[in-house]
Amino acid sequence: MTQDAQQIERDVQAAVEAEPARIAERVHAITLAALTRGVVDTQALREVTRAVLRGAQAAAPRVEAEHTEGLKEAVRGLDEALASAAQATQLAMQEAIGRSSEFSREGLKQSLDQLSRLEGDFVAALGDAARQASGTAQATLKDLAEHARSSGTAVGARVQSAVVDLGQAMGDLARAQVQEGMRALSAQAELLASMAAGVLRGFADRLHPDSSVAKDRRD
């Protein structure tokens, strides 16, 4: 476990134990702060998600009911933070699509695929956390995972919107690149045809030198 992950756990645990009314808000802030310290990719999102869930489970409950609510609020804050990460990825990809000369379509497609898996990774992390927990925490996390699968999540809604928008933009980019490629090929074909015509004129001149001289005299 990295020092960053341990720090995330400690911060989340303190947030869950300190102010019940602000758990979601503080977990949201902790998650975003953790993500901004590195690269927002699939591995980073998974590691931060799991660290947040471990910290929420580690919080010492005053009573079971409070622990249940604390876990729910921590997961809500995590969900909203991942939705923010999805939005940030969407905005970054929109800019990258606008700078298509600097980014390959294959690389953009890979990022889009990773984004589309974000909700699934979140739900899977909830399931893993539930299997590793016990008692009230296990039951709560299991319920949260099942609810996320059946009713959706904040990150899922954001991802769905982003994938639709980015998919359309990627399609437009592909069509533009095809059209640009066709124009480039057409220009190259014209140049090649012109060069070939020049070569043929050279052949003709060598085969019929008299006709070339006669033509020059007429001109």
C-alpha atoms as a PDB file:
ATOM      1  CA  MET A   1       0.000   0.000   0.000  1.00  0.00           C
ATOM      2  CA  THR A   2       1.413   3.403  -0.955  1.00  0.00           C
ATOM      3  CA  GLN A   3       1.775   6.300   1.448  1.00  0.00           C
ATOM      4  CA  ASP A   4      -0.815   8.202  -0.590  1.00  0.00           C
ATOM      5  CA  ALA A   5      -3.343   5.405  -0.147  1.00  0.00           C
ATOM      6  CA  GLN A   6      -2.658   5.271   3.591  1.00  0.00           C
ATOM      7  CA  GLN A   7      -3.136   9.033   3.840  1.00  0.00           C
ATOM      8  CA  ILE A   8      -6.435   8.822   1.954  1.00  0.00           C
ATOM      9  CA  GLU A   9      -7.640   6.127   4.355  1.00  0.00           C
ATOM     10  CA  ARG A  10      -6.696   8.203   7.397  1.00  0.00           C
ATOM     11  CA  ASP A  11      -8.341  11.329   5.990  1.00  0.00           C
ATOM     12  CA  VAL A  12     -11.563   9.516   5.120  1.00  0.00           C
ATOM     13  CA  GLN A  13     -11.675   7.753   8.475  1.00  0.00           C
ATOM     14  CA  ALA A  14     -11.294  11.085  10.253  1.00  0.00           C
ATOM     15  CA  ALA A  15     -14.011  12.613   8.072  1.00  0.00           C
ATOM     16  CA  VAL A  16     -16.494   9.830   8.815  1.00  0.00           C
ATOM     17  CA  GLU A  17     -15.816   9.995  12.546  1.00  0.00           C
ATOM     18  CA  ALA A  18     -15.774  13.774  12.904  1.00  0.00           C
ATOM     19  CA  GLU A  19     -18.805  15.483  11.356  1.00  0.00           C
ATOM     20  CA  PRO A  20     -21.657  13.224  10.205  1.00  0.00           C
ATOM     21  CA  ALA A  21     -23.401  16.104   8.448  1.00  0.00           C
ATOM     22  CA  ARG A  22     -20.347  16.809   6.256  1.00  0.00           C
ATOM     23  CA  ILE A  23     -19.115  13.291   5.486  1.00  0.00           C
ATOM     24  CA  ALA A  24     -20.115  13.307   1.802  1.00  0.00           C
ATOM     25  CA  GLU A  25     -18.718  16.796   1.299  1.00  0.00           C
ATOM     26  CA  ARG A  26     -15.404  15.985   2.940  1.00  0.00           C
ATOM     27  CA  VAL A  27     -14.983  12.615   1.215  1.00  0.00           C
ATOM     28  CA  HIS A  28     -15.717  14.334  -2.093  1.00  0.00           C
ATOM     29  CA  ALA A  29     -12.966  16.873  -1.386  1.00  0.00           C
ATOM     30  CA  ILE A  30     -10.493  14.214  -0.194  1.00  0.00           C
ATOM     31  CA  THR A  31     -11.083  12.106  -3.313  1.00  0.00           C
ATOM     32  CA  LEU A  32     -10.633  15.028  -5.690  1.00  0.00           C
ATOM     33  CA  ALA A  33      -7.479  16.140  -3.882  1.00  0.00           C
ATOM     34  CA  ALA A  34      -6.057  12.623  -4.194  1.00  0.00           C
ATOM     35  CA  LEU A  35      -6.841  12.437  -7.908  1.00  0.00           C
ATOM     36  CA  THR A  36      -5.271  15.812  -8.655  1.00  0.00           C
ATOM     37  CA  ARG A  37      -1.941  14.610  -7.260  1.00  0.00           C
ATOM     38  CA  GLY A  38      -1.407  12.237 -10.164  1.00  0.00           C
ATOM     39  CA  VAL A  39      -2.759  11.152 -13.522  1.00  0.00           C
ATOM     40  CA  VAL A  40      -6.484  10.506 -13.752  1.00  0.00           C
ATOM     41  CA  ASP A  41      -6.369   7.067 -15.341  1.00  0.00           C
ATOM     42  CA  THR A  42      -8.074   3.746 -14.656  1.00  0.00           C
ATOM     43  CA  GLN A  43      -5.443   2.536 -12.204  1.00  0.00           C
ATOM     44  CA  ALA A  44      -5.453   5.770 -10.197  1.00  0.00           C
ATOM     45  CA  LEU A  45      -9.240   5.827  -9.977  1.00  0.00           C
ATOM     46  CA  ARG A  46      -9.338   2.225  -8.769  1.00  0.00           C
ATOM     47  CA  GLU A  47      -6.661   2.788  -6.134  1.00  0.00           C
ATOM     48  CA  VAL A  48      -8.279   5.951  -4.798  1.00  0.00           C
ATOM     49  CA  THR A  49     -11.729   4.343  -4.769  1.00  0.00           C
ATOM     50  CA  ARG A  50     -10.512   1.374  -2.752  1.00  0.00           C
ATOM     51  CA  ALA A  51      -8.559   3.586  -0.333  1.00  0.00           C
ATOM     52  CA  VAL A  52     -11.642   5.725   0.296  1.00  0.00           C
ATOM     53  CA  LEU A  53     -13.769   2.650   0.989  1.00  0.00           C
ATOM     54  CA  ARG A  54     -11.173   1.181   3.344  1.00  0.00           C
ATOM     55  CA  GLY A  55     -11.032   4.455   5.257  1.00  0.00           C
ATOM     56  CA  ALA A  56     -14.818   4.611   5.538  1.00  0.00           C
ATOM     57  CA  GLN A  57     -14.955   1.054   6.870  1.00  0.00           C
ATOM     58  CA  ALA A  58     -12.190   1.745   9.387  1.00  0.00           C
ATOM     59  CA  ALA A  59     -14.113   4.586  11.019  1.00  0.00           C
ATOM     60  CA  ALA A  60     -14.943   3.678  14.597  1.00  0.00           C
ATOM     61  CA  PRO A  61     -18.759   3.651  14.909  1.00  0.00           C
ATOM     62  CA  ARG A  62     -20.440   5.161  17.944  1.00  0.00           C
ATOM     63  CA  VAL A  63     -23.476   3.026  17.227  1.00  0.00           C
ATOM     64  CA  GLU A  64     -24.267   0.765  14.305  1.00  0.00           C
ATOM     65  CA  ALA A  65     -26.917   3.098  12.880  1.00  0.00           C
ATOM     66  CA  GLU A  66     -24.418   5.959  12.733  1.00  0.00           C
ATOM     67  CA  HIS A  67     -21.828   3.712  11.112  1.00  0.00           C
ATOM     68  CA  THR A  68     -24.334   2.697   8.444  1.00  0.00           C
ATOM     69  CA  GLU A  69     -25.169   6.300   7.639  1.00  0.00           C
ATOM     70  CA  GLY A  70     -21.515   7.247   7.698  1.00  0.00           C
ATOM     71  CA  LEU A  71     -20.683   4.572   5.137  1.00  0.00           C
ATOM     72  CA  LYS A  72     -23.570   5.636   2.927  1.00  0.00           C
ATOM     73  CA  GLU A  73     -22.500   9.263   3.040  1.00  0.00           C
ATOM     74  CA  ALA A  74     -18.872   8.356   2.338  1.00  0.00           C
ATOM     75  CA  VAL A  75     -19.924   6.322  -0.700  1.00  0.00           C
ATOM     76  CA  ARG A  76     -22.129   9.183  -1.877  1.00  0.00           C
ATOM     77  CA  GLY A  77     -19.197  11.585  -1.632  1.00  0.00           C
ATOM     78  CA  LEU A  78     -16.994   9.118  -3.511  1.00  0.00           C
ATOM     79  CA  ASP A  79     -19.637   8.672  -6.219  1.00  0.00           C
ATOM     80  CA  GLU A  80     -19.931  12.438  -6.717  1.00  0.00           C
ATOM     81  CA  ALA A  81     -16.143  12.831  -6.823  1.00  0.00           C
ATOM     82  CA  LEU A  82     -15.862  10.134  -9.498  1.00  0.00           C
ATOM     83  CA  ALA A  83     -18.580  11.949 -11.457  1.00  0.00           C
ATOM     84  CA  SER A  84     -16.401  15.067 -11.274  1.00  0.00           C
ATOM     85  CA  ALA A  85     -13.436  13.012 -12.512  1.00  0.00           C
ATOM     86  CA  ALA A  86     -15.563  11.767 -15.421  1.00  0.00           C
ATOM     87  CA  GLN A  87     -16.515  15.346 -16.276  1.00  0.00           C
ATOM     88  CA  ALA A  88     -12.861  16.405 -16.163  1.00  0.00           C
ATOM     89  CA  THR A  89     -11.946  13.540 -18.480  1.00  0.00           C
ATOM     90  CA  GLN A  90     -14.747  14.537 -20.848  1.00  0.00           C
ATOM     91  CA  LEU A  91     -13.540  18.143 -21.012  1.00  0.00           C
ATOM     92  CA  ALA A  92      -9.938  17.059 -21.536  1.00  0.00           C
ATOM     93  CA  MET A  93     -10.976  14.728 -24.351  1.00  0.00           C
ATOM     94  CA  GLN A  94     -13.064  17.439 -26.018  1.00  0.00           C
ATOM     95  CA  GLU A  95      -9.978  19.651 -26.063  1.00  0.00           C
ATOM     96  CA  ALA A  96      -7.860  16.780 -27.368  1.00  0.00           C
ATOM     97  CA  ILE A  97     -10.336  16.093 -30.174  1.00  0.00           C
ATOM     98  CA  GLY A  98     -10.061  19.751 -31.141  1.00  0.00           C
ATOM     99  CA  ARG A  99      -6.287  19.271 -31.330  1.00  0.00           C
ATOM    100  CA  SER A 100      -6.470  16.066 -33.337  1.00  0.00           C
ATOM    101  CA  SER A 101      -3.097  16.667 -34.959  1.00  0.00           C
ATOM    102  CA  GLU A 102      -1.481  16.106 -31.541  1.00  0.00           C
ATOM    103  CA  PHE A 103      -3.560  13.092 -30.449  1.00  0.00           C
ATOM    104  CA  SER A 104      -4.103   9.853 -32.316  1.00  0.00           C
ATOM    105  CA  ARG A 105      -7.624   8.550 -32.778  1.00  0.00           C
ATOM    106  CA  GLU A 106      -6.500   5.243 -31.266  1.00  0.00           C
ATOM    107  CA  GLY A 107      -5.335   6.999 -28.083  1.00  0.00           C
ATOM    108  CA  LEU A 108      -8.574   8.947 -27.809  1.00  0.00           C
ATOM    109  CA  LYS A 109     -10.574   5.750 -28.330  1.00  0.00           C
ATOM    110  CA  GLN A 110      -8.627   4.069 -25.517  1.00  0.00           C
ATOM    111  CA  SER A 111      -9.414   6.958 -23.151  1.00  0.00           C
ATOM    112  CA  LEU A 112     -13.086   6.795 -24.133  1.00  0.00           C
ATOM    113  CA  ASP A 113     -13.151   3.056 -23.406  1.00  0.00           C
ATOM    114  CA  GLN A 114     -11.602   3.647 -19.972  1.00  0.00           C
ATOM    115  CA  LEU A 115     -14.159   6.344 -19.224  1.00  0.00           C
ATOM    116  CA  SER A 116     -17.037   4.062 -20.198  1.00  0.00           C
ATOM    117  CA  ARG A 117     -15.833   1.478 -17.640  1.00  0.00           C
ATOM    118  CA  LEU A 118     -15.679   3.943 -14.742  1.00  0.00           C
ATOM    119  CA  GLU A 119     -19.097   3.152 -13.262  1.00  0.00           C
ATOM    120  CA  GLY A 120     -18.446  -0.582 -13.558  1.00  0.00           C
ATOM    121  CA  ASP A 121     -15.141  -0.179 -11.728  1.00  0.00           C
ATOM    122  CA  PHE A 122     -16.891   1.785  -8.964  1.00  0.00           C
ATOM    123  CA  VAL A 123     -19.594  -0.839  -8.508  1.00  0.00           C
ATOM    124  CA  ALA A 124     -16.976  -3.618  -8.574  1.00  0.00           C
ATOM    125  CA  ALA A 125     -15.006  -1.804  -5.855  1.00  0.00           C
ATOM    126  CA  LEU A 126     -18.143  -1.640  -3.715  1.00  0.00           C
ATOM    127  CA  GLY A 127     -18.638  -5.370  -4.195  1.00  0.00           C
ATOM    128  CA  ASP A 128     -15.028  -6.120  -3.276  1.00  0.00           C
ATOM    129  CA  ALA A 129     -15.292  -3.932  -0.183  1.00  0.00           C
ATOM    130  CA  ALA A 130     -18.471  -5.749   0.865  1.00  0.00           C
ATOM    131  CA  ARG A 131     -16.793  -9.162   0.553  1.00  0.00           C
ATOM    132  CA  GLN A 132     -13.863  -8.018   2.679  1.00  0.00           C
ATOM    133  CA  ALA A 133     -16.047  -6.427   5.388  1.00  0.00           C
ATOM    134  CA  SER A 134     -18.168  -8.035   8.050  1.00  0.00           C
ATOM    135  CA  GLY A 135     -21.270  -7.333  10.098  1.00  0.00           C
ATOM    136  CA  THR A 136     -23.120  -4.081   9.512  1.00  0.00           C
ATOM    137  CA  ALA A 137     -20.467  -2.692   7.164  1.00  0.00           C
ATOM    138  CA  GLN A 138     -20.706  -5.749   4.926  1.00  0.00           C
ATOM    139  CA  ALA A 139     -24.494  -5.574   4.739  1.00  0.00           C
ATOM    140  CA  THR A 140     -24.419  -1.829   4.041  1.00  0.00           C
ATOM    141  CA  LEU A 141     -21.811  -2.059   1.297  1.00  0.00           C
ATOM    142  CA  LYS A 142     -23.605  -5.000  -0.290  1.00  0.00           C
ATOM    143  CA  ASP A 143     -26.861  -3.022  -0.350  1.00  0.00           C
ATOM    144  CA  LEU A 144     -25.074  -0.017  -1.829  1.00  0.00           C
ATOM    145  CA  ALA A 145     -23.491  -2.143  -4.555  1.00  0.00           C
ATOM    146  CA  GLU A 146     -26.830  -3.747  -5.452  1.00  0.00           C
ATOM    147  CA  HIS A 147     -28.573  -0.366  -5.469  1.00  0.00           C
ATOM    148  CA  ALA A 148     -25.849   1.052  -7.727  1.00  0.00           C
ATOM    149  CA  ARG A 149     -26.283  -1.830 -10.171  1.00  0.00           C
ATOM    150  CA  SER A 150     -30.045  -1.549 -10.324  1.00  0.00           C
ATOM    151  CA  SER A 151     -30.635   2.202  -9.996  1.00  0.00           C
ATOM    152  CA  GLY A 152     -27.427   3.711 -11.322  1.00  0.00           C
ATOM    153  CA  THR A 153     -24.965   6.184  -9.850  1.00  0.00           C
ATOM    154  CA  ALA A 154     -23.949   9.801 -10.210  1.00  0.00           C
ATOM    155  CA  VAL A 155     -20.769   8.757 -11.970  1.00  0.00           C
ATOM    156  CA  GLY A 156     -22.771   6.489 -14.268  1.00  0.00           C
ATOM    157  CA  ALA A 157     -25.076   9.325 -15.331  1.00  0.00           C
ATOM    158  CA  ARG A 158     -22.103  11.561 -16.046  1.00  0.00           C
ATOM    159  CA  VAL A 159     -20.272   8.818 -17.929  1.00  0.00           C
ATOM    160  CA  GLN A 160     -23.318   8.036 -20.063  1.00  0.00           C
ATOM    161  CA  SER A 161     -23.693  11.670 -21.088  1.00  0.00           C
ATOM    162  CA  ALA A 162     -19.963  12.012 -21.738  1.00  0.00           C
ATOM    163  CA  VAL A 163     -19.744   8.850 -23.828  1.00  0.00           C
ATOM    164  CA  VAL A 164     -22.637   9.976 -26.035  1.00  0.00           C
ATOM    165  CA  ASP A 165     -21.142  13.435 -26.593  1.00  0.00           C
ATOM    166  CA  LEU A 166     -17.606  12.176 -27.104  1.00  0.00           C
ATOM    167  CA  GLY A 167     -18.743   9.335 -29.337  1.00  0.00           C
ATOM    168  CA  GLN A 168     -20.420  11.846 -31.622  1.00  0.00           C
ATOM    169  CA  ALA A 169     -17.347  14.093 -31.576  1.00  0.00           C
ATOM    170  CA  MET A 170     -15.112  11.109 -32.368  1.00  0.00           C
ATOM    171  CA  GLY A 171     -17.397  10.209 -35.268  1.00  0.00           C
ATOM    172  CA  ASP A 172     -17.214  13.766 -36.601  1.00  0.00           C
ATOM    173  CA  LEU A 173     -13.434  13.672 -36.219  1.00  0.00           C
ATOM    174  CA  ALA A 174     -13.198  10.378 -38.091  1.00  0.00           C
ATOM    175  CA  ARG A 175     -15.314  11.725 -40.954  1.00  0.00           C
ATOM    176  CA  ALA A 176     -13.255  14.916 -41.096  1.00  0.00           C
ATOM    177  CA  GLN A 177     -10.044  12.900 -41.166  1.00  0.00           C
ATOM    178  CA  VAL A 178     -11.429  10.676 -43.930  1.00  0.00           C
ATOM    179  CA  GLN A 179     -12.437  13.732 -45.983  1.00  0.00           C
ATOM    180  CA  GLU A 180      -9.066  15.365 -45.373  1.00  0.00           C
ATOM    181  CA  GLY A 181      -7.354  12.142 -46.326  1.00  0.00           C
ATOM    182  CA  MET A 182      -9.400  11.928 -49.531  1.00  0.00           C
ATOM    183  CA  ARG A 183      -8.496  15.518 -50.424  1.00  0.00           C
ATOM    184  CA  ALA A 184      -4.837  14.781 -49.745  1.00  0.00           C
ATOM    185  CA  LEU A 185      -4.997  11.621 -51.842  1.00  0.00           C
ATOM    186  CA  SER A 186      -6.725  13.534 -54.646  1.00  0.00           C
ATOM    187  CA  ALA A 187      -4.013  16.212 -54.602  1.00  0.00           C
ATOM    188  CA  GLN A 188      -1.317  13.548 -54.565  1.00  0.00           C
ATOM    189  CA  ALA A 189      -3.005  11.731 -57.445  1.00  0.00           C
ATOM    190  CA  GLU A 190      -3.133  14.945 -59.485  1.00  0.00           C
ATOM    191  CA  LEU A 191       0.515  15.646 -58.777  1.00  0.00           C
ATOM    192  CA  LEU A 192       1.466  12.103 -59.682  1.00  0.00           C
ATOM    193  CA  ALA A 193      -0.590  12.302 -62.888  1.00  0.00           C
ATOM    194  CA  SER A 194       1.127  15.563 -63.801  1.00  0.00           C
ATOM    195  CA  MET A 195       4.533  14.042 -63.135  1.00  0.00           C
ATOM    196  CA  ALA A 196       3.645  10.994 -65.195  1.00  0.00           C
ATOM    197  CA  ALA A 197       2.492  13.235 -68.057  1.00  0.00           C
ATOM    198  CA  GLY A 198       5.837  14.981 -67.965  1.00  0.00           C
ATOM    199  CA  VAL A 199       7.683  11.681 -68.127  1.00  0.00           C
ATOM    200  CA  LEU A 200       5.505  10.579 -71.045  1.00  0.00           C
ATOM    201  CA  ARG A 201       6.272  13.808 -72.901  1.00  0.00           C
ATOM    202  CA  GLY A 202       9.933  13.037 -72.425  1.00  0.00           C
ATOM    203  CA  PHE A 203       9.406   9.560 -73.833  1.00  0.00           C
ATOM    204  CA  ALA A 204       7.491  10.992 -76.795  1.00  0.00           C
ATOM    205  CA  ASP A 205      10.174  13.559 -77.504  1.00  0.00           C
ATOM    206  CA  ARG A 206      12.850  10.876 -77.557  1.00  0.00           C
ATOM    207  CA  LEU A 207      10.776   8.653 -79.822  1.00  0.00           C
ATOM    208  CA  HIS A 208       9.817  11.442 -82.238  1.00  0.00           C
ATOM    209  CA  PRO A 209      12.487  14.116 -82.007  1.00  0.00           C
ATOM    210  CA  ASP A 210      11.493  15.640 -85.377  1.00  0.00           C
ATOM    211  CA  SER A 211       7.915  16.274 -84.288  1.00  0.00           C
ATOM    212  CA  SER A 212       9.225  18.084 -81.229  1.00  0.00           C
ATOM    213  CA  VAL A 213      11.426  20.324 -83.379  1.00  0.00           C
ATOM    214  CA  ALA A 214       8.581  20.982 -85.787  1.00  0.00           C
ATOM    215  CA  LYS A 215       6.324  21.909 -82.900  1.00  0.00           C
ATOM    216  CA  ASP A 216       8.925  24.356 -81.583  1.00  0.00           C
ATOM    217  CA  ARG A 217       9.192  26.007 -85.017  1.00  0.00           C
ATOM    218  CA  ARG A 218       5.416  26.389 -85.275  1.00  0.00           C
ATOM    219  CA  ASP A 219       5.366  28.053 -81.857  1.00  0.00           C
END
